[in-house]
Amino acid sequence: MANIILNKNNFFNNLDLISKHTKSKDKIAIVLKDNAYGHGISEMASLAKEYGVKKAVVRSNDEAKSIEEFFEYILVLGDIPKEPSSKMRYTINDIKSISKFPKETLVELKVDTGMHRNGISMSELHDAFMQIKEAGLILEAVFTHHRSSDELTSEWFWQNDNFKKVKQEAAYLAEEFGFGSLRFHSANSASLFRTDSFDEDMARVGIASYGCLEGYEGFAPVLSLYADKISSREVKRGQRVGYGGTFVAKDNCVVSNYDFGYGDGFLRNSSNEFVTSNGVEQVGRISMDNSSFITNEENLLIFNNAIDAAKSAGTISYEILTSLKASLKREIV
């Protein structure tokens, strides 16, 4: 079966670059949602702990519980708990959801500063603080998310200005409602590296830690994907390969089939377009459990950089990585 190799040195290299920007390991909150962007949540949690990262961000309560032993602080972005936790913080994404949280839950309030996806509106800030207080929740932080931090437009500055207004009002409201000092955070990977003067309480870093932040030098991809050969055959000029015969051999060649298909996370629309990191051409339609390449290698490197792999599918590295099934074997080297 296809397998994944995780490069510890590359991961630590990426965290070194991040901590240099945050000016402290304690300000790194590693994003481990969706199986750590396909890398394996338990594997990456253990490596992050070894490096000294104490904070993590996940999508669900189940993800949070699976890594509870590794971190001092876990932010859950998209779930509501059944009972409070001393370690897990839960995101308020909508003012109407406040009443659904159990009393004494540690919460962080997300504010929509321009992305128009999740978070309360800026005009709802006072009402949200009042309802959080009435619900008996413990508000610890206020945060937002950038919609265009990876694009060199003025929108990043505009959202930062909006969040400055939010922080000023939130600090005043925290005192008014007796919540004490709040934490503030807005930076994802791209946003963190847009400034040399990072001054927030933490940065939520995902794609940068995995080495696939485009446009920035020094990052090294953590994940490499390999597949084992199932069979080989000589294909003669003019013969067709795979479902629908979509590949026609221009010359005699050796075509081998490997144990990695769309059932494992190999995007089918990469068919006849994909080239491995070593320049080996994929041919024919990608099948559910296997795919064909013009090579005779026993163990084939499919890719060691998801940025390059994404180009053949017309997508982004995030989709390539998160498509990789959790059942694939992952090994740290």
Protein backbone atom coordinates (compact mmCIF):
# COMPACT_ATOMS: atom_id res chain seq x y z
CA MET A 1 0.00 0.00 0.00
CA ALA A 2 1.15 3.56 -0.64
CA ASN A 3 2.92 5.18 2.29
CA ILE A 4 3.84 8.63 3.59
CA ILE A 5 7.22 9.73 4.92
CA LEU A 6 7.32 12.71 7.30
CA ASN A 7 10.61 14.59 7.50
CA LYS A 8 11.27 15.69 11.08
CA ASN A 9 14.20 17.93 10.17
CA ASN A 10 12.14 19.81 7.60
CA PHE A 11 9.33 20.28 10.11
CA PHE A 12 11.69 21.67 12.72
CA ASN A 13 13.28 23.92 10.09
CA ASN A 14 9.86 25.37 9.34
CA LEU A 15 9.09 25.89 13.01
CA ASP A 16 12.45 27.66 13.42
CA LEU A 17 11.43 30.13 10.70
CA ILE A 18 8.03 30.61 12.32
CA SER A 19 9.35 31.09 15.86
CA LYS A 20 11.86 33.63 14.57
CA HIS A 21 8.90 35.64 13.26
CA THR A 22 6.68 35.19 16.33
CA LYS A 23 9.74 35.86 18.53
CA SER A 24 8.73 32.98 20.79
CA LYS A 25 7.81 29.30 20.55
CA ASP A 26 5.05 30.05 23.05
CA LYS A 27 3.26 32.15 20.42
CA ILE A 28 3.04 29.30 17.93
CA ALA A 29 -0.35 27.59 17.73
CA ILE A 30 0.02 24.78 15.23
CA VAL A 31 -3.06 24.02 13.14
CA LEU A 32 -3.74 20.28 13.20
CA LYS A 33 -7.25 20.19 11.79
CA ASP A 34 -8.23 17.69 9.09
CA ASN A 35 -5.63 15.14 10.17
CA ALA A 36 -2.92 17.81 10.32
CA TYR A 37 -3.48 18.75 6.68
CA GLY A 38 -3.18 15.08 5.76
CA HIS A 39 0.13 14.59 7.57
CA GLY A 40 -1.35 12.61 10.47
CA ILE A 41 -2.64 14.36 13.57
CA SER A 42 -0.97 12.15 16.17
CA GLU A 43 2.36 12.11 14.32
CA MET A 44 2.50 15.89 13.93
CA ALA A 45 1.24 16.51 17.45
CA SER A 46 4.07 14.41 18.88
CA LEU A 47 6.67 16.24 16.76
CA ALA A 48 5.25 19.64 17.69
CA LYS A 49 5.46 18.75 21.38
CA GLU A 50 9.05 17.56 20.93
CA TYR A 51 9.93 20.92 19.36
CA GLY A 52 8.33 22.78 22.26
CA VAL A 53 5.01 23.94 20.82
CA LYS A 54 2.37 24.12 23.55
CA LYS A 55 -0.66 25.31 21.58
CA ALA A 56 -2.75 23.65 18.88
CA VAL A 57 -5.78 24.48 16.75
CA VAL A 58 -8.25 21.84 15.55
CA ARG A 59 -11.64 21.63 13.89
CA SER A 60 -13.61 19.30 16.16
CA ASN A 61 -13.95 18.06 19.70
CA ASP A 62 -12.87 14.58 18.63
CA GLU A 63 -9.66 15.98 17.13
CA ALA A 64 -9.03 17.92 20.34
CA LYS A 65 -9.44 14.84 22.53
CA SER A 66 -7.08 12.82 20.34
CA ILE A 67 -4.19 15.23 21.00
CA GLU A 68 -5.09 16.36 24.51
CA GLU A 69 -1.97 14.82 26.04
CA PHE A 70 0.40 16.79 23.80
CA PHE A 71 -0.62 20.40 24.48
CA GLU A 72 -1.45 22.87 27.23
CA TYR A 73 -3.92 24.83 25.08
CA ILE A 74 -6.20 23.62 22.29
CA LEU A 75 -8.53 25.88 20.30
CA VAL A 76 -11.52 24.12 18.70
CA LEU A 77 -12.76 26.06 15.67
CA GLY A 78 -16.01 24.36 14.75
CA ASP A 79 -17.60 22.40 17.58
CA ILE A 80 -19.57 22.86 20.79
CA PRO A 81 -18.62 20.76 23.84
CA LYS A 82 -20.92 18.71 26.03
CA GLU A 83 -19.02 19.82 29.10
CA PRO A 84 -16.31 22.38 29.93
CA SER A 85 -12.60 21.57 29.74
CA SER A 86 -9.66 23.24 31.45
CA LYS A 87 -7.49 22.75 28.37
CA MET A 88 -9.83 23.20 25.39
CA ARG A 89 -11.16 26.54 24.23
CA TYR A 90 -14.19 26.70 21.94
CA THR A 91 -14.97 29.20 19.21
CA ILE A 92 -18.13 31.29 19.15
CA ASN A 93 -18.82 31.61 15.42
CA ASP A 94 -22.33 33.08 15.63
CA ILE A 95 -24.04 35.19 18.27
CA LYS A 96 -27.03 32.82 18.14
CA SER A 97 -24.86 29.91 19.28
CA ILE A 98 -23.83 31.42 22.61
CA SER A 99 -26.71 29.82 24.50
CA LYS A 100 -25.65 26.36 23.28
CA PHE A 101 -22.38 26.32 25.22
CA PRO A 102 -22.33 24.72 28.70
CA LYS A 103 -21.82 27.10 31.59
CA GLU A 104 -18.15 27.80 32.45
CA THR A 105 -16.90 26.77 29.01
CA LEU A 106 -13.67 28.52 28.03
CA VAL A 107 -14.55 30.39 24.83
CA GLU A 108 -12.93 32.61 22.22
CA LEU A 109 -15.05 35.03 20.23
CA LYS A 110 -14.53 35.14 16.49
CA VAL A 111 -15.30 38.48 14.84
CA ASP A 112 -15.99 38.96 11.13
CA THR A 113 -13.70 41.79 10.04
CA GLY A 114 -14.32 41.33 6.33
CA MET A 115 -14.22 37.68 5.31
CA HIS A 116 -18.00 37.32 5.73
CA ARG A 117 -17.89 33.65 6.59
CA ASN A 118 -17.81 32.83 10.32
CA GLY A 119 -17.83 35.17 13.29
CA ILE A 120 -20.10 37.79 14.78
CA SER A 121 -20.34 41.16 13.05
CA MET A 122 -18.36 44.04 14.49
CA SER A 123 -21.62 45.78 15.39
CA GLU A 124 -22.65 42.80 17.56
CA LEU A 125 -19.64 43.01 19.85
CA HIS A 126 -21.41 44.60 22.84
CA ASP A 127 -24.39 42.23 22.60
CA ALA A 128 -22.06 39.23 22.33
CA PHE A 129 -20.16 40.22 25.47
CA MET A 130 -23.40 40.69 27.35
CA GLN A 131 -24.78 37.29 26.25
CA ILE A 132 -21.49 35.52 27.05
CA LYS A 133 -21.63 37.00 30.54
CA GLU A 134 -25.27 36.03 31.02
CA ALA A 135 -24.56 32.49 29.81
CA GLY A 136 -21.83 32.06 32.42
CA LEU A 137 -19.10 31.45 29.85
CA ILE A 138 -15.45 32.35 30.41
CA LEU A 139 -14.25 34.59 27.59
CA GLU A 140 -10.49 34.40 27.11
CA ALA A 141 -9.81 35.74 23.62
CA VAL A 142 -11.11 37.58 20.58
CA PHE A 143 -9.85 36.70 17.11
CA THR A 144 -10.47 37.07 13.39
CA HIS A 145 -9.36 35.50 10.12
CA HIS A 146 -7.87 37.14 7.02
CA ARG A 147 -9.44 36.52 3.64
CA SER A 148 -6.57 37.73 1.43
CA SER A 149 -3.35 37.53 3.43
CA ASP A 150 -1.72 35.43 0.69
CA GLU A 151 -2.53 38.04 -1.95
CA LEU A 152 -0.57 41.28 -2.20
CA THR A 153 -3.56 43.60 -2.04
CA SER A 154 -4.64 46.32 0.36
CA GLU A 155 -7.29 44.03 1.91
CA TRP A 156 -4.84 42.69 4.49
CA PHE A 157 -4.24 46.22 5.78
CA TRP A 158 -7.96 47.02 5.71
CA GLN A 159 -8.81 43.96 7.82
CA ASN A 160 -6.00 44.76 10.24
CA ASP A 161 -7.48 48.23 10.71
CA ASN A 162 -10.88 46.69 11.38
CA PHE A 163 -9.38 44.30 13.93
CA LYS A 164 -7.62 47.18 15.69
CA LYS A 165 -11.05 48.74 16.24
CA VAL A 166 -12.35 45.40 17.50
CA LYS A 167 -9.46 45.04 19.94
CA GLN A 168 -9.97 48.51 21.33
CA GLU A 169 -13.68 47.97 21.90
CA ALA A 170 -13.20 44.43 23.20
CA ALA A 171 -10.64 45.57 25.78
CA TYR A 172 -13.13 48.15 27.05
CA LEU A 173 -15.99 45.63 27.11
CA ALA A 174 -13.88 43.03 28.90
CA GLU A 175 -13.37 45.48 31.73
CA GLU A 176 -17.05 46.49 31.71
CA PHE A 177 -18.26 42.88 31.94
CA GLY A 178 -15.51 41.65 34.26
CA PHE A 179 -13.72 39.23 31.94
CA GLY A 180 -10.22 40.44 32.72
CA SER A 181 -7.43 40.76 30.19
CA LEU A 182 -8.12 39.15 26.79
CA ARG A 183 -5.84 37.55 24.23
CA PHE A 184 -6.02 38.64 20.60
CA HIS A 185 -4.95 36.81 17.44
CA SER A 186 -5.54 37.12 13.72
CA ALA A 187 -2.47 35.76 11.92
CA ASN A 188 -2.53 32.62 9.84
CA SER A 189 0.63 31.46 8.04
CA ALA A 190 0.55 34.01 5.23
CA SER A 191 -0.49 36.88 7.49
CA LEU A 192 2.35 36.19 9.92
CA PHE A 193 4.93 36.62 7.17
CA ARG A 194 3.38 39.83 5.86
CA THR A 195 4.94 41.74 8.76
CA ASP A 196 8.28 41.95 10.56
CA SER A 197 6.66 43.35 13.69
CA PHE A 198 4.30 40.61 14.87
CA ASP A 199 2.79 41.72 18.18
CA GLU A 200 -0.26 39.53 18.84
CA ASP A 201 -0.63 36.84 21.48
CA MET A 202 -0.27 33.92 19.08
CA ALA A 203 -0.23 32.95 15.42
CA ARG A 204 -2.28 30.09 14.00
CA VAL A 205 0.18 28.43 11.63
CA GLY A 206 -0.79 25.58 9.35
CA ILE A 207 0.57 25.43 5.79
CA ALA A 208 3.85 27.17 6.72
CA SER A 209 4.65 24.56 9.35
CA TYR A 210 4.13 21.84 6.73
CA GLY A 211 6.49 23.61 4.33
CA CYS A 212 4.03 24.53 1.57
CA LEU A 213 3.66 28.28 2.02
CA GLU A 214 4.08 29.64 -1.50
CA GLY A 215 6.11 32.75 -2.20
CA TYR A 216 8.39 32.51 0.83
CA GLU A 217 11.91 31.07 0.86
CA GLY A 218 13.39 28.63 3.33
CA PHE A 219 10.40 26.38 3.98
CA ALA A 220 10.85 22.66 3.31
CA PRO A 221 7.94 20.27 2.59
CA VAL A 222 7.44 17.75 5.37
CA LEU A 223 5.45 15.11 3.50
CA SER A 224 6.61 12.74 0.77
CA LEU A 225 4.34 10.12 -0.78
CA TYR A 226 5.50 6.76 -2.16
CA ALA A 227 3.66 3.90 -3.87
CA ASP A 228 4.60 0.26 -4.47
CA LYS A 229 4.47 -1.45 -7.84
CA ILE A 230 1.67 -3.94 -8.41
CA SER A 231 2.50 -5.03 -11.95
CA SER A 232 4.39 -4.09 -15.13
CA ARG A 233 3.81 -4.64 -18.83
CA GLU A 234 5.26 -3.60 -22.14
CA VAL A 235 2.87 -1.29 -23.97
CA LYS A 236 3.42 -1.05 -27.69
CA ARG A 237 3.03 2.05 -29.80
CA GLY A 238 -0.65 2.78 -30.41
CA GLN A 239 -1.94 0.72 -27.48
CA ARG A 240 -4.17 2.39 -24.93
CA VAL A 241 -3.95 2.35 -21.13
CA GLY A 242 -6.65 2.40 -18.45
CA TYR A 243 -10.37 3.08 -18.36
CA GLY A 244 -11.61 4.60 -21.59
CA GLY A 245 -8.18 4.19 -23.16
CA THR A 246 -7.47 7.88 -22.62
CA PHE A 247 -3.71 7.42 -22.99
CA VAL A 248 -2.29 6.25 -26.32
CA ALA A 249 1.38 5.19 -26.34
CA LYS A 250 3.41 7.18 -28.86
CA ASP A 251 6.28 4.67 -28.63
CA ASN A 252 6.90 1.28 -27.09
CA CYS A 253 7.27 1.70 -23.34
CA VAL A 254 7.08 -0.07 -19.98
CA VAL A 255 4.01 0.90 -17.96
CA SER A 256 3.71 -0.12 -14.31
CA ASN A 257 0.71 0.03 -12.03
CA TYR A 258 1.04 1.32 -8.44
CA ASP A 259 -1.10 0.97 -5.32
CA PHE A 260 -2.28 4.57 -5.10
CA GLY A 261 -5.57 5.76 -6.57
CA TYR A 262 -8.40 8.19 -5.97
CA GLY A 263 -9.63 5.96 -3.14
CA ASP A 264 -6.40 6.89 -1.35
CA GLY A 265 -6.58 10.56 -2.24
CA PHE A 266 -5.01 10.81 -5.71
CA LEU A 267 -7.23 13.38 -7.43
CA ARG A 268 -8.76 11.82 -10.54
CA ASN A 269 -8.63 15.05 -12.54
CA SER A 270 -4.83 14.75 -12.46
CA SER A 271 -5.12 11.84 -14.91
CA ASN A 272 -2.71 12.09 -17.86
CA GLU A 273 -1.44 15.41 -16.47
CA PHE A 274 0.50 14.34 -13.39
CA VAL A 275 4.29 14.07 -13.34
CA THR A 276 6.10 12.79 -10.24
CA SER A 277 8.71 14.82 -8.41
CA ASN A 278 11.33 12.75 -10.27
CA GLY A 279 9.81 13.45 -13.68
CA VAL A 280 7.91 10.19 -14.19
CA GLU A 281 4.76 10.56 -16.30
CA GLN A 282 1.40 9.24 -15.06
CA VAL A 283 -0.70 7.72 -17.87
CA GLY A 284 -4.30 6.65 -18.24
CA ARG A 285 -7.16 7.44 -15.93
CA ILE A 286 -6.37 7.26 -12.24
CA SER A 287 -8.38 4.36 -10.82
CA MET A 288 -9.87 3.89 -7.36
CA ASP A 289 -7.02 1.81 -5.98
CA ASN A 290 -4.17 2.20 -8.47
CA SER A 291 -2.59 4.35 -11.13
CA SER A 292 -0.15 3.80 -13.99
CA PHE A 293 3.21 5.39 -14.75
CA ILE A 294 5.81 5.02 -17.49
CA THR A 295 8.47 3.41 -15.31
CA ASN A 296 9.56 0.10 -13.88
CA GLU A 297 10.53 1.28 -10.38
CA GLU A 298 9.55 -0.97 -7.49
CA ASN A 299 8.88 1.90 -5.08
CA LEU A 300 7.86 5.14 -6.79
CA LEU A 301 8.08 8.63 -5.31
CA ILE A 302 4.75 10.22 -6.24
CA PHE A 303 5.57 13.66 -4.83
CA ASN A 304 7.66 15.33 -2.17
CA ASN A 305 6.18 18.79 -2.64
CA ALA A 306 2.41 19.20 -2.65
CA ILE A 307 2.73 22.60 -4.32
CA ASP A 308 4.07 20.97 -7.47
CA ALA A 309 1.57 18.11 -7.27
CA ALA A 310 -1.32 20.57 -7.10
CA LYS A 311 -0.52 22.14 -10.46
CA SER A 312 -1.54 19.06 -12.45
CA ALA A 313 -4.96 19.06 -10.78
CA GLY A 314 -5.47 22.80 -11.08
CA THR A 315 -5.84 23.12 -7.33
CA ILE A 316 -3.88 24.11 -4.21
CA SER A 317 -1.53 22.17 -1.97
CA TYR A 318 -4.10 22.15 0.84
CA GLU A 319 -6.47 19.99 -1.22
CA ILE A 320 -3.71 17.61 -2.31
CA LEU A 321 -2.62 17.07 1.29
CA THR A 322 -6.01 16.83 2.99
CA SER A 323 -7.21 14.36 0.34
CA LEU A 324 -4.67 11.79 1.56
CA LYS A 325 -6.57 9.15 3.50
CA ALA A 326 -5.87 8.56 7.17
CA SER A 327 -5.47 4.84 6.44
CA LEU A 328 -2.18 5.44 4.59
CA LYS A 329 0.84 4.42 6.67
CA ARG A 330 2.84 7.38 7.95
CA GLU A 331 6.44 7.15 9.12
CA ILE A 332 8.60 9.85 10.73
CA VAL A 333 12.23 9.95 9.61
